[in-house]
Amino acid sequence: MGGKLKDLFKTPGGIGKFGLYTAVVGVASGWFIFPYALDYLLGKRLALVEGTEARDLWTKLPPLVTSIYLFNVTNPAEVQNGAKPIVEEIGPYCYL
C-alpha cells in the first residue's frame, strides 16, 4: 500500500475515515452514476431507430393474436343455493 494509505490504517480514526469515504463513493455511484449510465446504455440499445438491433427485432415480430373466452352462468339462483353451475360459452373474442 502507498505511504499515506498505510498511515491511514494505523489509527482507529483513520479506519473510520476510510469507511466513510468508501460509503460516500458507493452511495454516489449507486444513486447518481449508475442510473444515468444504465439509462444511457439501455437507451442506445433499445431505441427503435432504424438500423438498430431492437428495431430489426420489432419489425420482424409475428402478429400477436389474443383469443378470449367468456362463460355465462345460466342458473345463478340455483348456484347460490348450492347447485352445480350450468355455463354457456361466449366467444371467442379475438384481438389482433
N, C-alpha and C. Protein backbone atom coordinates (compact mmCIF):
# COMPACT_ATOMS: atom_id res chain seq x y z
N MET A 1 0.84 -1.19 0.00
CA MET A 1 0.00 0.00 0.00
C MET A 1 0.88 1.24 0.00
N GLY A 2 0.32 2.31 -0.49
CA GLY A 2 1.05 3.57 -0.51
C GLY A 2 1.26 4.09 0.90
N GLY A 3 2.18 5.04 1.05
CA GLY A 3 2.53 5.56 2.36
C GLY A 3 1.37 6.22 3.08
N LYS A 4 0.62 7.09 2.43
CA LYS A 4 -0.48 7.78 3.08
C LYS A 4 -1.59 6.82 3.46
N LEU A 5 -1.91 5.88 2.59
CA LEU A 5 -2.96 4.91 2.88
C LEU A 5 -2.54 3.99 4.03
N LYS A 6 -1.25 3.64 4.05
CA LYS A 6 -0.75 2.78 5.13
C LYS A 6 -0.84 3.51 6.47
N ASP A 7 -0.53 4.79 6.47
CA ASP A 7 -0.62 5.58 7.70
C ASP A 7 -2.07 5.75 8.14
N LEU A 8 -2.98 5.80 7.19
CA LEU A 8 -4.40 5.97 7.50
C LEU A 8 -4.92 4.78 8.31
N PHE A 9 -4.43 3.58 8.03
CA PHE A 9 -4.91 2.39 8.72
C PHE A 9 -4.26 2.17 10.08
N LYS A 10 -3.31 2.99 10.46
CA LYS A 10 -2.65 2.81 11.75
C LYS A 10 -3.50 3.30 12.91
N THR A 11 -4.46 4.17 12.66
CA THR A 11 -5.27 4.73 13.74
C THR A 11 -6.73 4.31 13.55
N PRO A 12 -7.47 4.15 14.66
CA PRO A 12 -8.89 3.82 14.54
C PRO A 12 -9.67 4.91 13.81
N GLY A 13 -9.32 6.17 13.99
CA GLY A 13 -9.99 7.25 13.28
C GLY A 13 -9.74 7.18 11.79
N GLY A 14 -8.58 6.71 11.41
CA GLY A 14 -8.24 6.58 10.00
C GLY A 14 -9.09 5.51 9.33
N ILE A 15 -9.31 4.43 10.04
CA ILE A 15 -10.16 3.36 9.50
C ILE A 15 -11.58 3.87 9.32
N GLY A 16 -12.05 4.66 10.27
CA GLY A 16 -13.39 5.25 10.15
C GLY A 16 -13.49 6.20 8.97
N LYS A 17 -12.44 7.01 8.77
CA LYS A 17 -12.43 7.92 7.63
C LYS A 17 -12.45 7.15 6.32
N PHE A 18 -11.68 6.07 6.26
CA PHE A 18 -11.66 5.25 5.05
C PHE A 18 -13.04 4.61 4.81
N GLY A 19 -13.67 4.14 5.87
CA GLY A 19 -15.01 3.56 5.74
C GLY A 19 -16.02 4.58 5.28
N LEU A 20 -15.95 5.78 5.84
CA LEU A 20 -16.86 6.85 5.44
C LEU A 20 -16.65 7.22 3.98
N TYR A 21 -15.40 7.33 3.58
CA TYR A 21 -15.08 7.64 2.18
C TYR A 21 -15.63 6.56 1.25
N THR A 22 -15.44 5.31 1.61
CA THR A 22 -15.93 4.19 0.80
C THR A 22 -17.45 4.23 0.72
N ALA A 23 -18.12 4.52 1.82
CA ALA A 23 -19.58 4.58 1.82
C ALA A 23 -20.08 5.73 0.94
N VAL A 24 -19.43 6.88 1.03
CA VAL A 24 -19.85 8.04 0.22
C VAL A 24 -19.66 7.74 -1.26
N VAL A 25 -18.54 7.14 -1.63
CA VAL A 25 -18.30 6.80 -3.02
C VAL A 25 -19.32 5.75 -3.49
N GLY A 26 -19.62 4.78 -2.65
CA GLY A 26 -20.60 3.75 -3.01
C GLY A 26 -21.99 4.33 -3.21
N VAL A 27 -22.41 5.21 -2.31
CA VAL A 27 -23.74 5.82 -2.43
C VAL A 27 -23.79 6.73 -3.66
N ALA A 28 -22.74 7.50 -3.88
CA ALA A 28 -22.72 8.40 -5.03
C ALA A 28 -22.79 7.62 -6.33
N SER A 29 -22.05 6.53 -6.42
CA SER A 29 -22.08 5.76 -7.67
C SER A 29 -23.39 5.00 -7.81
N GLY A 30 -23.96 4.54 -6.70
CA GLY A 30 -25.21 3.79 -6.77
C GLY A 30 -26.42 4.65 -7.06
N TRP A 31 -26.45 5.87 -6.55
CA TRP A 31 -27.62 6.73 -6.72
C TRP A 31 -27.49 7.70 -7.89
N PHE A 32 -26.28 8.07 -8.23
CA PHE A 32 -26.13 9.10 -9.25
C PHE A 32 -25.51 8.57 -10.54
N ILE A 33 -24.39 7.90 -10.45
CA ILE A 33 -23.66 7.49 -11.65
C ILE A 33 -24.32 6.29 -12.32
N PHE A 34 -24.62 5.24 -11.57
CA PHE A 34 -25.17 4.01 -12.16
C PHE A 34 -26.49 4.22 -12.88
N PRO A 35 -27.48 4.92 -12.31
CA PRO A 35 -28.75 5.09 -13.04
C PRO A 35 -28.59 5.82 -14.37
N TYR A 36 -27.76 6.86 -14.40
CA TYR A 36 -27.55 7.59 -15.65
C TYR A 36 -26.83 6.73 -16.67
N ALA A 37 -25.84 5.97 -16.23
CA ALA A 37 -25.12 5.08 -17.14
C ALA A 37 -26.06 4.01 -17.68
N LEU A 38 -26.90 3.47 -16.82
CA LEU A 38 -27.85 2.43 -17.24
C LEU A 38 -28.86 2.99 -18.23
N ASP A 39 -29.41 4.17 -17.95
CA ASP A 39 -30.35 4.81 -18.88
C ASP A 39 -29.70 5.07 -20.23
N TYR A 40 -28.47 5.52 -20.21
CA TYR A 40 -27.76 5.83 -21.45
C TYR A 40 -27.54 4.56 -22.27
N LEU A 41 -27.05 3.51 -21.62
CA LEU A 41 -26.76 2.27 -22.35
C LEU A 41 -28.03 1.60 -22.84
N LEU A 42 -29.07 1.54 -22.01
CA LEU A 42 -30.32 0.93 -22.44
C LEU A 42 -31.00 1.77 -23.51
N GLY A 43 -30.90 3.07 -23.41
CA GLY A 43 -31.48 3.95 -24.42
C GLY A 43 -30.85 3.74 -25.78
N LYS A 44 -29.56 3.52 -25.80
CA LYS A 44 -28.88 3.27 -27.08
C LYS A 44 -29.23 1.89 -27.63
N ARG A 45 -29.33 0.89 -26.74
CA ARG A 45 -29.57 -0.48 -27.21
C ARG A 45 -31.03 -0.73 -27.57
N LEU A 46 -31.96 -0.10 -26.86
CA LEU A 46 -33.37 -0.42 -27.04
C LEU A 46 -34.15 0.63 -27.84
N ALA A 47 -33.47 1.63 -28.36
CA ALA A 47 -34.17 2.64 -29.14
C ALA A 47 -34.66 2.02 -30.45
N LEU A 48 -35.89 2.36 -30.82
CA LEU A 48 -36.46 1.82 -32.06
C LEU A 48 -36.11 2.73 -33.24
N VAL A 49 -34.81 2.93 -33.42
CA VAL A 49 -34.29 3.75 -34.50
C VAL A 49 -33.87 2.82 -35.62
N GLU A 50 -34.10 3.24 -36.84
CA GLU A 50 -33.77 2.39 -37.98
C GLU A 50 -32.29 2.03 -37.98
N GLY A 51 -32.03 0.74 -38.17
CA GLY A 51 -30.66 0.25 -38.19
C GLY A 51 -30.20 -0.39 -36.89
N THR A 52 -30.99 -0.28 -35.83
CA THR A 52 -30.59 -0.90 -34.56
C THR A 52 -31.15 -2.31 -34.49
N GLU A 53 -30.55 -3.11 -33.63
CA GLU A 53 -30.98 -4.50 -33.46
C GLU A 53 -32.41 -4.56 -32.91
N ALA A 54 -32.73 -3.66 -31.99
CA ALA A 54 -34.07 -3.64 -31.41
C ALA A 54 -35.12 -3.34 -32.49
N ARG A 55 -34.81 -2.43 -33.40
CA ARG A 55 -35.76 -2.10 -34.48
C ARG A 55 -35.95 -3.30 -35.40
N ASP A 56 -34.86 -4.00 -35.72
CA ASP A 56 -34.96 -5.18 -36.58
C ASP A 56 -35.85 -6.24 -35.95
N LEU A 57 -35.66 -6.49 -34.67
CA LEU A 57 -36.49 -7.48 -33.97
C LEU A 57 -37.94 -7.02 -33.90
N TRP A 58 -38.17 -5.74 -33.70
CA TRP A 58 -39.51 -5.18 -33.58
C TRP A 58 -40.28 -5.33 -34.89
N THR A 59 -39.61 -5.10 -36.01
CA THR A 59 -40.29 -5.18 -37.30
C THR A 59 -40.55 -6.61 -37.74
N LYS A 60 -39.83 -7.58 -37.18
CA LYS A 60 -39.99 -8.98 -37.57
C LYS A 60 -40.89 -9.76 -36.62
N LEU A 61 -41.59 -9.08 -35.73
CA LEU A 61 -42.47 -9.77 -34.79
C LEU A 61 -43.64 -10.42 -35.54
N PRO A 62 -44.00 -11.64 -35.17
CA PRO A 62 -45.20 -12.23 -35.77
C PRO A 62 -46.44 -11.54 -35.21
N PRO A 63 -47.55 -11.61 -35.94
CA PRO A 63 -48.76 -10.97 -35.41
C PRO A 63 -49.21 -11.65 -34.12
N LEU A 64 -49.54 -10.85 -33.16
CA LEU A 64 -49.96 -11.37 -31.86
C LEU A 64 -51.48 -11.39 -31.82
N VAL A 65 -52.06 -12.57 -31.68
CA VAL A 65 -53.50 -12.74 -31.65
C VAL A 65 -53.90 -13.20 -30.26
N THR A 66 -54.87 -12.53 -29.67
CA THR A 66 -55.37 -12.90 -28.36
C THR A 66 -56.82 -13.34 -28.50
N SER A 67 -57.11 -14.52 -28.03
CA SER A 67 -58.49 -15.02 -28.03
C SER A 67 -58.98 -15.12 -26.60
N ILE A 68 -60.13 -14.52 -26.36
CA ILE A 68 -60.69 -14.51 -25.01
C ILE A 68 -62.03 -15.23 -25.04
N TYR A 69 -62.19 -16.18 -24.13
CA TYR A 69 -63.44 -16.92 -24.00
C TYR A 69 -64.10 -16.50 -22.69
N LEU A 70 -65.38 -16.19 -22.74
CA LEU A 70 -66.15 -15.85 -21.55
C LEU A 70 -67.20 -16.92 -21.34
N PHE A 71 -67.62 -17.09 -20.10
CA PHE A 71 -68.63 -18.08 -19.77
C PHE A 71 -69.76 -17.40 -19.00
N ASN A 72 -70.98 -17.69 -19.40
CA ASN A 72 -72.16 -17.12 -18.77
C ASN A 72 -72.82 -18.21 -17.92
N VAL A 73 -73.08 -17.93 -16.66
CA VAL A 73 -73.78 -18.87 -15.79
C VAL A 73 -75.27 -18.70 -16.06
N THR A 74 -75.91 -19.79 -16.53
CA THR A 74 -77.32 -19.69 -16.91
C THR A 74 -78.27 -19.95 -15.75
N ASN A 75 -77.78 -20.48 -14.64
CA ASN A 75 -78.64 -20.75 -13.48
C ASN A 75 -78.07 -20.14 -12.20
N PRO A 76 -77.96 -18.81 -12.11
CA PRO A 76 -77.32 -18.19 -10.95
C PRO A 76 -78.08 -18.39 -9.64
N ALA A 77 -79.40 -18.41 -9.68
CA ALA A 77 -80.17 -18.59 -8.43
C ALA A 77 -79.95 -19.98 -7.86
N GLU A 78 -79.90 -20.98 -8.73
CA GLU A 78 -79.68 -22.35 -8.25
C GLU A 78 -78.26 -22.53 -7.71
N VAL A 79 -77.29 -21.85 -8.33
CA VAL A 79 -75.90 -21.93 -7.86
C VAL A 79 -75.78 -21.34 -6.47
N GLN A 80 -76.50 -20.27 -6.18
CA GLN A 80 -76.47 -19.67 -4.85
C GLN A 80 -77.05 -20.61 -3.80
N ASN A 81 -77.91 -21.51 -4.23
CA ASN A 81 -78.50 -22.49 -3.30
C ASN A 81 -77.70 -23.79 -3.25
N GLY A 82 -76.55 -23.83 -3.93
CA GLY A 82 -75.68 -25.00 -3.83
C GLY A 82 -75.70 -25.91 -5.04
N ALA A 83 -76.43 -25.60 -6.09
CA ALA A 83 -76.49 -26.45 -7.29
C ALA A 83 -75.23 -26.27 -8.12
N LYS A 84 -75.00 -27.23 -9.00
CA LYS A 84 -73.86 -27.17 -9.91
C LYS A 84 -74.17 -26.14 -11.00
N PRO A 85 -73.21 -25.26 -11.33
CA PRO A 85 -73.49 -24.24 -12.33
C PRO A 85 -73.57 -24.83 -13.74
N ILE A 86 -74.46 -24.28 -14.53
CA ILE A 86 -74.56 -24.60 -15.94
C ILE A 86 -74.04 -23.37 -16.67
N VAL A 87 -72.99 -23.57 -17.47
CA VAL A 87 -72.36 -22.44 -18.14
C VAL A 87 -72.54 -22.53 -19.64
N GLU A 88 -72.58 -21.37 -20.26
CA GLU A 88 -72.68 -21.26 -21.72
C GLU A 88 -71.45 -20.47 -22.18
N GLU A 89 -70.70 -21.04 -23.13
CA GLU A 89 -69.50 -20.38 -23.63
C GLU A 89 -69.89 -19.23 -24.55
N ILE A 90 -69.29 -18.09 -24.31
CA ILE A 90 -69.49 -16.91 -25.15
C ILE A 90 -68.12 -16.55 -25.72
N GLY A 91 -68.03 -16.47 -27.00
CA GLY A 91 -66.75 -16.13 -27.61
C GLY A 91 -66.34 -17.20 -28.60
N PRO A 92 -65.18 -17.17 -29.08
CA PRO A 92 -64.03 -16.36 -28.66
C PRO A 92 -64.08 -14.94 -29.21
N TYR A 93 -63.55 -14.03 -28.44
CA TYR A 93 -63.34 -12.67 -28.89
C TYR A 93 -61.86 -12.57 -29.25
N CYS A 94 -61.57 -12.28 -30.51
CA CYS A 94 -60.18 -12.26 -30.99
C CYS A 94 -59.73 -10.83 -31.19
N TYR A 95 -58.54 -10.54 -30.71
CA TYR A 95 -57.94 -9.22 -30.85
C TYR A 95 -56.59 -9.36 -31.54
N LEU A 96 -56.35 -8.51 -32.50
CA LEU A 96 -55.06 -8.51 -33.21
C LEU A 96 -54.18 -7.41 -32.69
